[in-house]
Amino acid sequence: MANSLVKRIWGTAVSKTDDKRLPVIDMEKNLESLKPSDKYYYKKFNRLNKERWEVHTAHRKSHNKFATVLAIFSVGIYFYTLFAVRQEKFLDEGFDEVPDNAVKNT
């Protein structure tokens, strides 16, 4: 019961006698034994996969560059804000003391 449930959900727990999966083929070794149409599609698939990989690599590099620039920009804004707030001294001057010419409210 549990074995069939696992097999239905994940496709695992298959015994060796019940194994209906296709055998693994090493295409580089068995390329000569393939039909010409299979060779054509194998080479086409490899070519398309290489093109996809090149595009994906280029996108990943550009995304990494953009993320680096964005991180540097964010850290720069953060440190500039800390520097600017540290230089604000107008709040520190005179608010703790009452001026001599202040008028009392009665």
PDB file of N, CA and C in Angstrom:
ATOM      1  N   MET A   1       0.826  -1.197   0.000  1.00  0.00           N
ATOM      2  CA  MET A   1       0.000   0.000   0.000  1.00  0.00           C
ATOM      3  C   MET A   1       0.865   1.254   0.000  1.00  0.00           C
ATOM      4  N   ALA A   2       1.765   1.349   0.963  1.00  0.00           N
ATOM      5  CA  ALA A   2       2.606   2.540   1.053  1.00  0.00           C
ATOM      6  C   ALA A   2       3.567   2.614  -0.132  1.00  0.00           C
ATOM      7  N   ASN A   3       4.051   1.441  -0.574  1.00  0.00           N
ATOM      8  CA  ASN A   3       4.979   1.423  -1.699  1.00  0.00           C
ATOM      9  C   ASN A   3       4.295   1.932  -2.966  1.00  0.00           C
ATOM     10  N   SER A   4       3.060   1.545  -3.203  1.00  0.00           N
ATOM     11  CA  SER A   4       2.358   2.006  -4.403  1.00  0.00           C
ATOM     12  C   SER A   4       2.037   3.493  -4.306  1.00  0.00           C
ATOM     13  N   LEU A   5       1.748   3.976  -3.092  1.00  0.00           N
ATOM     14  CA  LEU A   5       1.479   5.395  -2.911  1.00  0.00           C
ATOM     15  C   LEU A   5       2.734   6.221  -3.189  1.00  0.00           C
ATOM     16  N   VAL A   6       3.869   5.764  -2.688  1.00  0.00           N
ATOM     17  CA  VAL A   6       5.125   6.458  -2.943  1.00  0.00           C
ATOM     18  C   VAL A   6       5.431   6.443  -4.432  1.00  0.00           C
ATOM     19  N   LYS A   7       5.185   5.314  -5.081  1.00  0.00           N
ATOM     20  CA  LYS A   7       5.465   5.202  -6.504  1.00  0.00           C
ATOM     21  C   LYS A   7       4.564   6.133  -7.307  1.00  0.00           C
ATOM     22  N   ARG A   8       3.305   6.281  -6.891  1.00  0.00           N
ATOM     23  CA  ARG A   8       2.384   7.162  -7.604  1.00  0.00           C
ATOM     24  C   ARG A   8       2.754   8.623  -7.402  1.00  0.00           C
ATOM     25  N   ILE A   9       3.173   8.995  -6.210  1.00  0.00           N
ATOM     26  CA  ILE A   9       3.440  10.401  -5.924  1.00  0.00           C
ATOM     27  C   ILE A   9       4.797  10.825  -6.469  1.00  0.00           C
ATOM     28  N   TRP A  10       5.858  10.105  -6.140  1.00  0.00           N
ATOM     29  CA  TRP A  10       7.205  10.536  -6.507  1.00  0.00           C
ATOM     30  C   TRP A  10       7.825   9.724  -7.633  1.00  0.00           C
ATOM     31  N   GLY A  11       7.249   8.622  -7.981  1.00  0.00           N
ATOM     32  CA  GLY A  11       7.825   7.796  -9.024  1.00  0.00           C
ATOM     33  C   GLY A  11       9.056   7.040  -8.561  1.00  0.00           C
ATOM     34  N   THR A  12       9.222   6.875  -7.251  1.00  0.00           N
ATOM     35  CA  THR A  12      10.382   6.159  -6.720  1.00  0.00           C
ATOM     36  C   THR A  12       9.928   4.811  -6.199  1.00  0.00           C
ATOM     37  N   ALA A  13      10.815   4.138  -5.531  1.00  0.00           N
ATOM     38  CA  ALA A  13      10.555   2.832  -4.930  1.00  0.00           C
ATOM     39  C   ALA A  13      10.124   1.818  -5.982  1.00  0.00           C
ATOM     40  N   VAL A  14      10.762   1.846  -7.140  1.00  0.00           N
ATOM     41  CA  VAL A  14      10.468   0.888  -8.196  1.00  0.00           C
ATOM     42  C   VAL A  14      11.482  -0.241  -8.077  1.00  0.00           C
ATOM     43  N   SER A  15      10.984  -1.457  -8.059  1.00  0.00           N
ATOM     44  CA  SER A  15      11.899  -2.584  -7.941  1.00  0.00           C
ATOM     45  C   SER A  15      12.623  -2.802  -9.267  1.00  0.00           C
ATOM     46  N   LYS A  16      13.699  -3.583  -9.248  1.00  0.00           N
ATOM     47  CA  LYS A  16      14.492  -3.803 -10.455  1.00  0.00           C
ATOM     48  C   LYS A  16      13.709  -4.584 -11.504  1.00  0.00           C
ATOM     49  N   THR A  17      12.823  -5.449 -11.096  1.00  0.00           N
ATOM     50  CA  THR A  17      12.047  -6.219 -12.074  1.00  0.00           C
ATOM     51  C   THR A  17      10.952  -5.367 -12.700  1.00  0.00           C
ATOM     52  N   ASP A  18      10.521  -4.323 -12.009  1.00  0.00           N
ATOM     53  CA  ASP A  18       9.441  -3.472 -12.501  1.00  0.00           C
ATOM     54  C   ASP A  18       9.981  -2.215 -13.180  1.00  0.00           C
ATOM     55  N   ASP A  19      11.289  -2.130 -13.360  1.00  0.00           N
ATOM     56  CA  ASP A  19      11.905  -0.931 -13.917  1.00  0.00           C
ATOM     57  C   ASP A  19      11.626  -0.846 -15.412  1.00  0.00           C
ATOM     58  N   LYS A  20      10.846   0.163 -15.824  1.00  0.00           N
ATOM     59  CA  LYS A  20      10.486   0.332 -17.231  1.00  0.00           C
ATOM     60  C   LYS A  20      11.090   1.605 -17.802  1.00  0.00           C
ATOM     61  N   ARG A  21      12.077   2.125 -17.119  1.00  0.00           N
ATOM     62  CA  ARG A  21      12.727   3.327 -17.615  1.00  0.00           C
ATOM     63  C   ARG A  21      13.630   2.980 -18.787  1.00  0.00           C
ATOM     64  N   LEU A  22      13.886   3.982 -19.621  1.00  0.00           N
ATOM     65  CA  LEU A  22      14.770   3.780 -20.757  1.00  0.00           C
ATOM     66  C   LEU A  22      16.212   3.679 -20.287  1.00  0.00           C
ATOM     67  N   PRO A  23      17.020   2.885 -20.963  1.00  0.00           N
ATOM     68  CA  PRO A  23      18.426   2.790 -20.561  1.00  0.00           C
ATOM     69  C   PRO A  23      19.174   4.074 -20.903  1.00  0.00           C
ATOM     70  N   VAL A  24      20.210   4.351 -20.140  1.00  0.00           N
ATOM     71  CA  VAL A  24      21.023   5.536 -20.369  1.00  0.00           C
ATOM     72  C   VAL A  24      21.950   5.263 -21.549  1.00  0.00           C
ATOM     73  N   ILE A  25      22.005   6.225 -22.475  1.00  0.00           N
ATOM     74  CA  ILE A  25      22.828   6.064 -23.671  1.00  0.00           C
ATOM     75  C   ILE A  25      23.905   7.137 -23.658  1.00  0.00           C
ATOM     76  N   ASP A  26      25.138   6.723 -23.838  1.00  0.00           N
ATOM     77  CA  ASP A  26      26.234   7.674 -23.990  1.00  0.00           C
ATOM     78  C   ASP A  26      26.304   8.029 -25.466  1.00  0.00           C
ATOM     79  N   MET A  27      25.853   9.222 -25.808  1.00  0.00           N
ATOM     80  CA  MET A  27      25.706   9.596 -27.209  1.00  0.00           C
ATOM     81  C   MET A  27      27.050   9.723 -27.912  1.00  0.00           C
ATOM     82  N   GLU A  28      28.086  10.102 -27.208  1.00  0.00           N
ATOM     83  CA  GLU A  28      29.386  10.249 -27.851  1.00  0.00           C
ATOM     84  C   GLU A  28      29.932   8.895 -28.302  1.00  0.00           C
ATOM     85  N   LYS A  29      29.698   7.854 -27.520  1.00  0.00           N
ATOM     86  CA  LYS A  29      30.183   6.522 -27.890  1.00  0.00           C
ATOM     87  C   LYS A  29      29.292   5.873 -28.945  1.00  0.00           C
ATOM     88  N   ASN A  30      28.000   6.113 -28.859  1.00  0.00           N
ATOM     89  CA  ASN A  30      27.050   5.436 -29.734  1.00  0.00           C
ATOM     90  C   ASN A  30      26.605   6.293 -30.906  1.00  0.00           C
ATOM     91  N   LEU A  31      27.317   7.346 -31.224  1.00  0.00           N
ATOM     92  CA  LEU A  31      26.900   8.244 -32.291  1.00  0.00           C
ATOM     93  C   LEU A  31      26.951   7.560 -33.655  1.00  0.00           C
ATOM     94  N   GLU A  32      27.909   6.656 -33.858  1.00  0.00           N
ATOM     95  CA  GLU A  32      28.017   5.979 -35.151  1.00  0.00           C
ATOM     96  C   GLU A  32      26.871   5.004 -35.377  1.00  0.00           C
ATOM     97  N   SER A  33      26.333   4.458 -34.299  1.00  0.00           N
ATOM     98  CA  SER A  33      25.276   3.462 -34.449  1.00  0.00           C
ATOM     99  C   SER A  33      23.890   4.086 -34.607  1.00  0.00           C
ATOM    100  N   LEU A  34      23.794   5.396 -34.541  1.00  0.00           N
ATOM    101  CA  LEU A  34      22.493   6.051 -34.667  1.00  0.00           C
ATOM    102  C   LEU A  34      22.104   6.228 -36.126  1.00  0.00           C
ATOM    103  N   LYS A  35      20.804   6.394 -36.334  1.00  0.00           N
ATOM    104  CA  LYS A  35      20.305   6.693 -37.672  1.00  0.00           C
ATOM    105  C   LYS A  35      20.704   8.118 -38.032  1.00  0.00           C
ATOM    106  N   PRO A  36      20.755   8.440 -39.312  1.00  0.00           N
ATOM    107  CA  PRO A  36      21.122   9.806 -39.708  1.00  0.00           C
ATOM    108  C   PRO A  36      20.177  10.868 -39.153  1.00  0.00           C
ATOM    109  N   SER A  37      18.894  10.559 -39.068  1.00  0.00           N
ATOM    110  CA  SER A  37      17.960  11.544 -38.513  1.00  0.00           C
ATOM    111  C   SER A  37      18.221  11.775 -37.029  1.00  0.00           C
ATOM    112  N   ASP A  38      18.577  10.711 -36.304  1.00  0.00           N
ATOM    113  CA  ASP A  38      18.901  10.863 -34.884  1.00  0.00           C
ATOM    114  C   ASP A  38      20.174  11.684 -34.691  1.00  0.00           C
ATOM    115  N   LYS A  39      21.159  11.460 -35.573  1.00  0.00           N
ATOM    116  CA  LYS A  39      22.387  12.253 -35.508  1.00  0.00           C
ATOM    117  C   LYS A  39      22.088  13.731 -35.745  1.00  0.00           C
ATOM    118  N   TYR A  40      21.222  13.983 -36.734  1.00  0.00           N
ATOM    119  CA  TYR A  40      20.870  15.360 -37.062  1.00  0.00           C
ATOM    120  C   TYR A  40      20.229  16.051 -35.859  1.00  0.00           C
ATOM    121  N   TYR A  41      19.249  15.389 -35.242  1.00  0.00           N
ATOM    122  CA  TYR A  41      18.561  16.002 -34.102  1.00  0.00           C
ATOM    123  C   TYR A  41      19.465  16.107 -32.877  1.00  0.00           C
ATOM    124  N   TYR A  42      20.377  15.157 -32.713  1.00  0.00           N
ATOM    125  CA  TYR A  42      21.326  15.230 -31.608  1.00  0.00           C
ATOM    126  C   TYR A  42      22.230  16.450 -31.768  1.00  0.00           C
ATOM    127  N   LYS A  43      22.756  16.642 -32.969  1.00  0.00           N
ATOM    128  CA  LYS A  43      23.630  17.789 -33.215  1.00  0.00           C
ATOM    129  C   LYS A  43      22.856  19.101 -33.123  1.00  0.00           C
ATOM    130  N   LYS A  44      21.613  19.112 -33.606  1.00  0.00           N
ATOM    131  CA  LYS A  44      20.785  20.315 -33.531  1.00  0.00           C
ATOM    132  C   LYS A  44      20.492  20.666 -32.074  1.00  0.00           C
ATOM    133  N   PHE A  45      20.160  19.648 -31.288  1.00  0.00           N
ATOM    134  CA  PHE A  45      19.889  19.876 -29.871  1.00  0.00           C
ATOM    135  C   PHE A  45      21.120  20.438 -29.165  1.00  0.00           C
ATOM    136  N   ASN A  46      22.289  19.879 -29.452  1.00  0.00           N
ATOM    137  CA  ASN A  46      23.520  20.380 -28.830  1.00  0.00           C
ATOM    138  C   ASN A  46      23.811  21.811 -29.244  1.00  0.00           C
ATOM    139  N   ARG A  47      23.582  22.135 -30.529  1.00  0.00           N
ATOM    140  CA  ARG A  47      23.823  23.493 -31.012  1.00  0.00           C
ATOM    141  C   ARG A  47      22.871  24.481 -30.338  1.00  0.00           C
ATOM    142  N   LEU A  48      21.590  24.122 -30.266  1.00  0.00           N
ATOM    143  CA  LEU A  48      20.614  25.005 -29.625  1.00  0.00           C
ATOM    144  C   LEU A  48      20.896  25.157 -28.133  1.00  0.00           C
ATOM    145  N   ASN A  49      21.324  24.081 -27.507  1.00  0.00           N
ATOM    146  CA  ASN A  49      21.642  24.142 -26.082  1.00  0.00           C
ATOM    147  C   ASN A  49      22.848  25.043 -25.840  1.00  0.00           C
ATOM    148  N   LYS A  50      23.833  24.991 -26.729  1.00  0.00           N
ATOM    149  CA  LYS A  50      25.002  25.856 -26.589  1.00  0.00           C
ATOM    150  C   LYS A  50      24.617  27.320 -26.780  1.00  0.00           C
ATOM    151  N   GLU A  51      23.745  27.611 -27.748  1.00  0.00           N
ATOM    152  CA  GLU A  51      23.283  28.987 -27.957  1.00  0.00           C
ATOM    153  C   GLU A  51      22.518  29.495 -26.735  1.00  0.00           C
ATOM    154  N   ARG A  52      21.661  28.649 -26.184  1.00  0.00           N
ATOM    155  CA  ARG A  52      20.899  29.029 -24.996  1.00  0.00           C
ATOM    156  C   ARG A  52      21.835  29.296 -23.825  1.00  0.00           C
ATOM    157  N   TRP A  53      22.858  28.465 -23.691  1.00  0.00           N
ATOM    158  CA  TRP A  53      23.821  28.635 -22.613  1.00  0.00           C
ATOM    159  C   TRP A  53      24.579  29.947 -22.766  1.00  0.00           C
ATOM    160  N   GLU A  54      24.972  30.298 -23.998  1.00  0.00           N
ATOM    161  CA  GLU A  54      25.698  31.548 -24.226  1.00  0.00           C
ATOM    162  C   GLU A  54      24.836  32.761 -23.883  1.00  0.00           C
ATOM    163  N   VAL A  55      23.560  32.722 -24.269  1.00  0.00           N
ATOM    164  CA  VAL A  55      22.653  33.833 -23.951  1.00  0.00           C
ATOM    165  C   VAL A  55      22.454  33.929 -22.443  1.00  0.00           C
ATOM    166  N   HIS A  56      22.261  32.788 -21.813  1.00  0.00           N
ATOM    167  CA  HIS A  56      22.052  32.764 -20.358  1.00  0.00           C
ATOM    168  C   HIS A  56      23.288  33.291 -19.625  1.00  0.00           C
ATOM    169  N   THR A  57      24.469  32.928 -20.095  1.00  0.00           N
ATOM    170  CA  THR A  57      25.708  33.401 -19.474  1.00  0.00           C
ATOM    171  C   THR A  57      25.846  34.911 -19.623  1.00  0.00           C
ATOM    172  N   ALA A  58      25.519  35.426 -20.810  1.00  0.00           N
ATOM    173  CA  ALA A  58      25.601  36.873 -21.027  1.00  0.00           C
ATOM    174  C   ALA A  58      24.617  37.614 -20.125  1.00  0.00           C
ATOM    175  N   HIS A  59      23.414  37.093 -19.988  1.00  0.00           N
ATOM    176  CA  HIS A  59      22.422  37.730 -19.112  1.00  0.00           C
ATOM    177  C   HIS A  59      22.881  37.695 -17.661  1.00  0.00           C
ATOM    178  N   ARG A  60      23.441  36.559 -17.248  1.00  0.00           N
ATOM    179  CA  ARG A  60      23.890  36.441 -15.863  1.00  0.00           C
ATOM    180  C   ARG A  60      25.007  37.443 -15.569  1.00  0.00           C
ATOM    181  N   LYS A  61      25.925  37.617 -16.513  1.00  0.00           N
ATOM    182  CA  LYS A  61      27.016  38.573 -16.307  1.00  0.00           C
ATOM    183  C   LYS A  61      26.481  39.998 -16.204  1.00  0.00           C
ATOM    184  N   SER A  62      25.542  40.350 -17.087  1.00  0.00           N
ATOM    185  CA  SER A  62      25.000  41.716 -17.032  1.00  0.00           C
ATOM    186  C   SER A  62      24.189  41.928 -15.756  1.00  0.00           C
ATOM    187  N   HIS A  63      23.469  40.911 -15.305  1.00  0.00           N
ATOM    188  CA  HIS A  63      22.704  41.038 -14.061  1.00  0.00           C
ATOM    189  C   HIS A  63      23.641  41.183 -12.865  1.00  0.00           C
ATOM    190  N   ASN A  64      24.748  40.459 -12.883  1.00  0.00           N
ATOM    191  CA  ASN A  64      25.721  40.582 -11.788  1.00  0.00           C
ATOM    192  C   ASN A  64      26.347  41.974 -11.759  1.00  0.00           C
ATOM    193  N   LYS A  65      26.644  42.530 -12.937  1.00  0.00           N
ATOM    194  CA  LYS A  65      27.196  43.885 -12.988  1.00  0.00           C
ATOM    195  C   LYS A  65      26.193  44.898 -12.452  1.00  0.00           C
ATOM    196  N   PHE A  66      24.938  44.764 -12.852  1.00  0.00           N
ATOM    197  CA  PHE A  66      23.907  45.686 -12.382  1.00  0.00           C
ATOM    198  C   PHE A  66      23.727  45.573 -10.871  1.00  0.00           C
ATOM    199  N   ALA A  67      23.734  44.358 -10.346  1.00  0.00           N
ATOM    200  CA  ALA A  67      23.586  44.169  -8.900  1.00  0.00           C
ATOM    201  C   ALA A  67      24.762  44.780  -8.144  1.00  0.00           C
ATOM    202  N   THR A  68      25.959  44.680  -8.699  1.00  0.00           N
ATOM    203  CA  THR A  68      27.132  45.274  -8.058  1.00  0.00           C
ATOM    204  C   THR A  68      27.026  46.793  -8.033  1.00  0.00           C
ATOM    205  N   VAL A  69      26.634  47.382  -9.167  1.00  0.00           N
ATOM    206  CA  VAL A  69      26.480  48.842  -9.223  1.00  0.00           C
ATOM    207  C   VAL A  69      25.401  49.299  -8.249  1.00  0.00           C
ATOM    208  N   LEU A  70      24.297  48.578  -8.198  1.00  0.00           N
ATOM    209  CA  LEU A  70      23.207  48.937  -7.289  1.00  0.00           C
ATOM    210  C   LEU A  70      23.644  48.830  -5.830  1.00  0.00           C
ATOM    211  N   ALA A  71      24.401  47.805  -5.494  1.00  0.00           N
ATOM    212  CA  ALA A  71      24.882  47.649  -4.117  1.00  0.00           C
ATOM    213  C   ALA A  71      25.852  48.765  -3.746  1.00  0.00           C
ATOM    214  N   ILE A  72      26.754  49.115  -4.648  1.00  0.00           N
ATOM    215  CA  ILE A  72      27.699  50.204  -4.374  1.00  0.00           C
ATOM    216  C   ILE A  72      26.953  51.522  -4.208  1.00  0.00           C
ATOM    217  N   PHE A  73      25.964  51.756  -5.051  1.00  0.00           N
ATOM    218  CA  PHE A  73      25.158  52.973  -4.957  1.00  0.00           C
ATOM    219  C   PHE A  73      24.422  53.037  -3.618  1.00  0.00           C
ATOM    220  N   SER A  74      23.839  51.928  -3.204  1.00  0.00           N
ATOM    221  CA  SER A  74      23.101  51.895  -1.934  1.00  0.00           C
ATOM    222  C   SER A  74      24.023  52.138  -0.747  1.00  0.00           C
ATOM    223  N   VAL A  75      25.171  51.507  -0.741  1.00  0.00           N
ATOM    224  CA  VAL A  75      26.123  51.697   0.354  1.00  0.00           C
ATOM    225  C   VAL A  75      26.636  53.133   0.360  1.00  0.00           C
ATOM    226  N   GLY A  76      26.837  53.712  -0.820  1.00  0.00           N
ATOM    227  CA  GLY A  76      27.269  55.107  -0.911  1.00  0.00           C
ATOM    228  C   GLY A  76      26.240  56.057  -0.334  1.00  0.00           C
ATOM    229  N   ILE A  77      24.967  55.842  -0.654  1.00  0.00           N
ATOM    230  CA  ILE A  77      23.901  56.681  -0.091  1.00  0.00           C
ATOM    231  C   ILE A  77      23.857  56.532   1.426  1.00  0.00           C
ATOM    232  N   TYR A  78      24.011  55.311   1.912  1.00  0.00           N
ATOM    233  CA  TYR A  78      23.980  55.064   3.354  1.00  0.00           C
ATOM    234  C   TYR A  78      25.098  55.833   4.064  1.00  0.00           C
ATOM    235  N   PHE A  79      26.323  55.731   3.555  1.00  0.00           N
ATOM    236  CA  PHE A  79      27.438  56.415   4.210  1.00  0.00           C
ATOM    237  C   PHE A  79      27.348  57.927   4.041  1.00  0.00           C
ATOM    238  N   TYR A  80      26.843  58.402   2.911  1.00  0.00           N
ATOM    239  CA  TYR A  80      26.657  59.843   2.740  1.00  0.00           C
ATOM    240  C   TYR A  80      25.634  60.363   3.747  1.00  0.00           C
ATOM    241  N   THR A  81      24.566  59.604   3.982  1.00  0.00           N
ATOM    242  CA  THR A  81      23.556  60.008   4.961  1.00  0.00           C
ATOM    243  C   THR A  81      24.152  60.069   6.362  1.00  0.00           C
ATOM    244  N   LEU A  82      24.949  59.071   6.725  1.00  0.00           N
ATOM    245  CA  LEU A  82      25.605  59.100   8.036  1.00  0.00           C
ATOM    246  C   LEU A  82      26.522  60.311   8.162  1.00  0.00           C
ATOM    247  N   PHE A  83      27.265  60.619   7.123  1.00  0.00           N
ATOM    248  CA  PHE A  83      28.175  61.760   7.134  1.00  0.00           C
ATOM    249  C   PHE A  83      27.397  63.066   7.243  1.00  0.00           C
ATOM    250  N   ALA A  84      26.296  63.187   6.500  1.00  0.00           N
ATOM    251  CA  ALA A  84      25.513  64.424   6.515  1.00  0.00           C
ATOM    252  C   ALA A  84      24.829  64.631   7.860  1.00  0.00           C
ATOM    253  N   VAL A  85      24.308  63.587   8.461  1.00  0.00           N
ATOM    254  CA  VAL A  85      23.640  63.719   9.756  1.00  0.00           C
ATOM    255  C   VAL A  85      24.663  64.050  10.836  1.00  0.00           C
ATOM    256  N   ARG A  86      25.847  63.516  10.731  1.00  0.00           N
ATOM    257  CA  ARG A  86      26.874  63.797  11.724  1.00  0.00           C
ATOM    258  C   ARG A  86      27.285  65.264  11.684  1.00  0.00           C
ATOM    259  N   GLN A  87      27.200  65.902  10.541  1.00  0.00           N
ATOM    260  CA  GLN A  87      27.609  67.295  10.416  1.00  0.00           C
ATOM    261  C   GLN A  87      26.515  68.282  10.798  1.00  0.00           C
ATOM    262  N   GLU A  88      25.311  67.814  11.036  1.00  0.00           N
ATOM    263  CA  GLU A  88      24.233  68.729  11.416  1.00  0.00           C
ATOM    264  C   GLU A  88      24.422  69.138  12.866  1.00  0.00           C
ATOM    265  N   LYS A  89      24.828  70.374  13.064  1.00  0.00           N
ATOM    266  CA  LYS A  89      25.089  70.861  14.417  1.00  0.00           C
ATOM    267  C   LYS A  89      24.087  71.920  14.835  1.00  0.00           C
ATOM    268  N   PHE A  90      23.173  72.305  13.962  1.00  0.00           N
ATOM    269  CA  PHE A  90      22.247  73.376  14.315  1.00  0.00           C
ATOM    270  C   PHE A  90      21.267  72.944  15.399  1.00  0.00           C
ATOM    271  N   LEU A  91      21.009  71.651  15.550  1.00  0.00           N
ATOM    272  CA  LEU A  91      20.112  71.205  16.611  1.00  0.00           C
ATOM    273  C   LEU A  91      20.826  71.161  17.964  1.00  0.00           C
ATOM    274  N   ASP A  92      22.126  71.064  17.946  1.00  0.00           N
ATOM    275  CA  ASP A  92      22.878  70.977  19.195  1.00  0.00           C
ATOM    276  C   ASP A  92      23.104  72.340  19.841  1.00  0.00           C
ATOM    277  N   GLU A  93      22.977  73.408  19.091  1.00  0.00           N
ATOM    278  CA  GLU A  93      23.322  74.732  19.602  1.00  0.00           C
ATOM    279  C   GLU A  93      22.100  75.450  20.153  1.00  0.00           C
ATOM    280  N   GLY A  94      22.100  75.713  21.437  1.00  0.00           N
ATOM    281  CA  GLY A  94      21.142  76.626  22.015  1.00  0.00           C
ATOM    282  C   GLY A  94      19.801  76.073  22.437  1.00  0.00           C
ATOM    283  N   PHE A  95      19.495  74.862  22.202  1.00  0.00           N
ATOM    284  CA  PHE A  95      18.181  74.370  22.589  1.00  0.00           C
ATOM    285  C   PHE A  95      18.126  73.935  24.044  1.00  0.00           C
ATOM    286  N   ASP A  96      19.250  73.757  24.667  1.00  0.00           N
ATOM    287  CA  ASP A  96      19.264  73.354  26.064  1.00  0.00           C
ATOM    288  C   ASP A  96      19.185  74.546  27.010  1.00  0.00           C
ATOM    289  N   GLU A  97      19.435  75.745  26.512  1.00  0.00           N
ATOM    290  CA  GLU A  97      19.450  76.940  27.353  1.00  0.00           C
ATOM    291  C   GLU A  97      18.318  77.871  26.942  1.00  0.00           C
ATOM    292  N   VAL A  98      17.815  78.602  27.917  1.00  0.00           N
ATOM    293  CA  VAL A  98      16.796  79.616  27.637  1.00  0.00           C
ATOM    294  C   VAL A  98      17.518  80.919  27.348  1.00  0.00           C
ATOM    295  N   PRO A  99      17.182  81.580  26.256  1.00  0.00           N
ATOM    296  CA  PRO A  99      17.849  82.847  25.956  1.00  0.00           C
ATOM    297  C   PRO A  99      17.522  83.906  27.012  1.00  0.00           C
ATOM    298  N   ASP A 100      18.396  84.882  27.144  1.00  0.00           N
ATOM    299  CA  ASP A 100      18.226  85.942  28.141  1.00  0.00           C
ATOM    300  C   ASP A 100      17.039  86.836  27.819  1.00  0.00           C
ATOM    301  N   ASN A 101      16.747  87.022  26.567  1.00  0.00           N
ATOM    302  CA  ASN A 101      15.667  87.932  26.198  1.00  0.00           C
ATOM    303  C   ASN A 101      14.338  87.197  25.978  1.00  0.00           C
ATOM    304  N   ALA A 102      14.193  86.011  26.532  1.00  0.00           N
ATOM    305  CA  ALA A 102      12.956  85.257  26.355  1.00  0.00           C
ATOM    306  C   ALA A 102      11.848  85.865  27.198  1.00  0.00           C
ATOM    307  N   VAL A 103      10.631  85.854  26.677  1.00  0.00           N
ATOM    308  CA  VAL A 103       9.471  86.406  27.372  1.00  0.00           C
ATOM    309  C   VAL A 103       8.735  85.259  28.033  1.00  0.00           C
ATOM    310  N   LYS A 104       8.389  85.449  29.308  1.00  0.00           N
ATOM    311  CA  LYS A 104       7.659  84.416  30.023  1.00  0.00           C
ATOM    312  C   LYS A 104       6.187  84.497  29.672  1.00  0.00           C
ATOM    313  N   ASN A 105       5.594  83.358  29.482  1.00  0.00           N
ATOM    314  CA  ASN A 105       4.143  83.301  29.267  1.00  0.00           C
ATOM    315  C   ASN A 105       3.466  83.138  30.619  1.00  0.00           C
ATOM    316  N   THR A 106       2.583  84.075  30.954  1.00  0.00           N
ATOM    317  CA  THR A 106       1.884  83.979  32.237  1.00  0.00           C
ATOM    318  C   THR A 106       0.404  83.948  32.064  1.00  0.00           C
TER     319      THR A 106
END
